[in-house]
N, C-alpha and C. Protein backbone atom coordinates (compact mmCIF):
# COMPACT_ATOMS: atom_id res chain seq x y z
N MET A 1 0.63 -1.25 -0.03
CA MET A 1 0.16 -0.19 -0.25
C MET A 1 0.39 1.27 0.34
N ARG A 2 0.32 2.30 -0.50
CA ARG A 2 0.99 3.65 -0.56
C ARG A 2 0.90 4.28 0.62
N HIS A 3 1.80 5.26 0.91
CA HIS A 3 1.59 5.76 1.40
C HIS A 3 1.71 7.39 0.53
N ASN A 4 -0.07 8.40 1.52
CA ASN A 4 -0.33 9.59 0.62
C ASN A 4 1.08 10.63 0.80
N THR A 5 2.20 11.03 0.71
CA THR A 5 3.08 11.48 1.68
C THR A 5 3.40 13.24 0.75
N MET A 6 3.76 14.07 0.94
CA MET A 6 3.88 15.30 0.39
C MET A 6 5.91 15.30 0.08
N SER A 7 5.52 15.97 -1.16
CA SER A 7 7.29 16.00 -1.28
C SER A 7 7.32 17.36 -0.55
N PRO A 8 8.98 17.31 -0.22
CA PRO A 8 9.35 18.57 0.75
C PRO A 8 8.93 19.84 -0.32
N ALA A 9 8.79 20.15 -1.08
CA ALA A 9 7.62 21.51 -2.22
C ALA A 9 6.31 21.42 -1.69
N GLU A 10 5.77 20.20 -1.92
CA GLU A 10 3.91 20.33 -1.26
C GLU A 10 3.80 20.40 -0.09
N ALA A 11 4.66 19.67 0.48
CA ALA A 11 4.90 20.35 1.86
C ALA A 11 4.61 21.84 2.45
N ARG A 12 6.10 22.23 1.81
CA ARG A 12 6.38 23.66 1.99
C ARG A 12 5.15 24.59 1.53
N GLU A 13 4.66 24.77 0.56
CA GLU A 13 3.27 24.63 -0.53
C GLU A 13 2.28 25.23 0.30
N PHE A 14 1.73 23.72 1.35
CA PHE A 14 0.98 23.49 2.16
C PHE A 14 0.77 24.65 3.42
N SER A 15 2.03 24.64 3.75
CA SER A 15 2.84 25.57 5.11
C SER A 15 2.26 27.05 4.84
N ASP A 16 2.81 27.56 3.57
CA ASP A 16 2.22 28.50 3.24
C ASP A 16 1.57 28.78 3.17
N ARG A 17 0.33 28.06 2.58
CA ARG A 17 -1.20 28.58 2.66
C ARG A 17 -1.95 28.12 3.34
N ILE A 18 -1.45 27.03 4.18
CA ILE A 18 -2.29 27.49 5.76
C ILE A 18 -1.86 29.11 6.84
N ARG A 19 -0.46 29.09 6.55
CA ARG A 19 0.13 30.48 7.25
C ARG A 19 -0.64 31.84 6.27
N ASP A 20 -1.11 31.85 4.99
CA ASP A 20 -1.46 33.33 4.73
C ASP A 20 -3.36 32.99 5.16
N MET A 21 -3.43 32.01 5.15
CA MET A 21 -4.97 31.70 5.94
C MET A 21 -5.43 32.41 6.90
N ARG A 22 -4.31 31.69 8.14
CA ARG A 22 -4.13 32.48 9.38
C ARG A 22 -3.66 34.04 9.40
N TRP A 23 -3.15 34.57 8.61
CA TRP A 23 -2.50 35.72 8.45
C TRP A 23 -4.01 36.51 7.98
N GLU A 24 -4.78 36.09 7.01
CA GLU A 24 -5.82 36.42 6.42
C GLU A 24 -6.87 36.91 7.80
N ARG A 25 -6.98 35.69 8.35
CA ARG A 25 -7.95 35.71 9.26
C ARG A 25 -7.55 36.55 10.50
N VAL A 26 -6.02 36.77 10.69
CA VAL A 26 -5.84 37.80 12.42
C VAL A 26 -6.31 39.83 11.58
N GLU A 27 -5.82 39.61 10.09
CA GLU A 27 -6.10 40.90 9.83
C GLU A 27 -7.60 41.33 9.37
N ALA A 28 -8.70 40.24 9.64
CA ALA A 28 -9.74 40.48 9.55
C ALA A 28 -10.55 40.69 10.26
N ARG A 29 -9.51 39.94 11.48
CA ARG A 29 -9.90 40.25 12.91
C ARG A 29 -9.99 41.50 13.56
N ALA A 30 -9.01 42.17 12.95
CA ALA A 30 -8.41 43.19 13.22
C ALA A 30 -9.18 44.50 12.77
N ALA A 31 -9.49 44.30 11.45
CA ALA A 31 -10.10 44.97 10.74
C ALA A 31 -11.85 45.11 11.26
N ARG A 32 -12.36 44.09 11.70
CA ARG A 32 -13.36 44.43 12.53
C ARG A 32 -13.22 44.79 13.80
N ARG A 33 -12.17 44.77 14.56
CA ARG A 33 -12.11 45.61 16.03
C ARG A 33 -11.58 47.16 15.49
N GLN A 34 -11.22 47.95 14.18
CA GLN A 34 -11.42 48.77 13.98
C GLN A 34 -12.14 49.89 13.79
N ALA A 35 -13.59 48.67 13.11
CA ALA A 35 -14.70 49.04 12.24
C ALA A 35 -15.76 49.37 13.76
N VAL A 36 -15.22 48.37 14.74
CA VAL A 36 -15.98 48.69 15.97
C VAL A 36 -15.88 49.73 16.66
N ALA A 37 -14.54 49.95 16.84
CA ALA A 37 -13.85 51.01 17.46
C ALA A 37 -14.23 52.55 16.85
N ALA A 38 -13.71 52.45 15.55
CA ALA A 38 -14.84 53.92 14.60
C ALA A 38 -16.01 54.13 14.75
N ARG A 39 -17.03 52.85 14.84
CA ARG A 39 -17.92 52.89 14.87
C ARG A 39 -18.89 54.03 16.44
N ARG A 40 -18.10 53.62 17.31
CA ARG A 40 -18.29 53.46 18.75
C ARG A 40 -18.13 54.82 18.76
N ALA A 41 -16.59 55.57 18.72
CA ALA A 41 -16.19 56.96 18.11
C ALA A 41 -17.11 57.43 17.31
N GLY A 42 -18.08 57.39 16.96
CA GLY A 42 -18.41 58.48 15.91
C GLY A 42 -19.89 58.20 16.98
N ARG A 43 -20.35 57.64 17.57
CA ARG A 43 -21.77 57.44 18.51
C ARG A 43 -21.36 58.32 19.84
N LEU A 44 -19.95 58.39 19.99
CA LEU A 44 -19.70 59.67 20.99
C LEU A 44 -19.73 60.33 20.37
N ARG A 45 -19.54 60.44 19.16
CA ARG A 45 -19.44 61.64 18.68
C ARG A 45 -20.55 62.70 18.59
N SER A 46 -21.39 61.51 18.26
CA SER A 46 -23.29 62.04 17.66
C SER A 46 -23.86 62.13 18.81
N VAL A 47 -23.44 61.88 19.93
CA VAL A 47 -24.40 62.07 21.24
C VAL A 47 -24.72 63.67 22.07
N PRO A 48 -23.49 64.20 21.53
CA PRO A 48 -23.57 65.65 22.51
C PRO A 48 -23.75 66.05 20.95
N ALA A 49 -23.74 65.92 19.82
CA ALA A 49 -24.31 67.06 19.35
C ALA A 49 -25.51 66.81 18.97
N ARG A 50 -26.09 65.25 19.00
CA ARG A 50 -27.79 65.04 19.20
C ARG A 50 -28.13 66.21 20.63
N LEU A 51 -27.52 66.20 21.40
CA LEU A 51 -28.05 66.27 23.21
C LEU A 51 -28.08 68.06 22.20
N THR A 52 -27.59 68.98 21.37
CA THR A 52 -26.89 70.09 21.49
C THR A 52 -28.03 70.58 20.17
N ARG A 53 -28.46 69.82 19.83
CA ARG A 53 -29.90 70.30 19.00
C ARG A 53 -31.18 70.00 19.58
N LEU A 54 -31.07 69.15 20.72
CA LEU A 54 -32.93 68.68 21.16
C LEU A 54 -32.42 69.53 22.16
N LEU A 55 -31.69 70.54 22.39
CA LEU A 55 -31.93 72.04 23.20
C LEU A 55 -31.94 73.59 22.42
N LEU A 56 -30.98 72.80 21.88
CA LEU A 56 -31.38 74.00 20.72
C LEU A 56 -32.28 74.41 19.84
N SER A 57 -33.38 72.99 19.78
CA SER A 57 -34.59 73.68 19.51
C SER A 57 -36.20 73.78 20.08
N ASN A 58 -35.80 73.24 21.85
CA ASN A 58 -37.16 74.10 22.01
C ASN A 58 -37.19 75.56 22.12
């Protein structure tokens, strides 16, 4: 029975692909965190603006 083994070149390519997939996951997570932080910052800035509009409209 023949074992299904990878050549060194195939093993390197496989390893590189796995590393790239992990790196893409890390980058996606960082982008999500940045988006959340930007939304929170936008919300914090908009609260005083809304309060000002509410107070000035009366």
